[in-house]
Amino acid sequence: MPHAIAFDTLSSVKRLKEAGFTDAQAEAQTRIIAELVGDRLATKGDILEVKRDIKALELRIAAELAPIKWGMAIAVGGIIALILKSFFPH
């Protein structure tokens, strides 16, 4: 699927009318733009799906990094213990 783009047709019509287009001209121009981009238009559903995919990816990355974080914490703790032991032998 090609990359989708968001195009707010209602906003487009409103902005064209504010620029001096008649209702018919603004609506026609907006339809032309929508046809030009065709199936590349992103729906709200598409955007929500991408947001869900990003959130799922964030959770997966966090889950995969958790053991690495714990391993690093243990390693740093061990190094600190060795350093302290060398300065303060029993």
Foldseek 3Di string as FASTA:
>chain_A
DPAADADDLVVQLVVVVVVPDDSVRSNVVSVVVCVVCDPSHADPVNVVVVVVVVVVVVVVVCVVCVVVVVVVVVVVVVVVVVVVCVVDPD
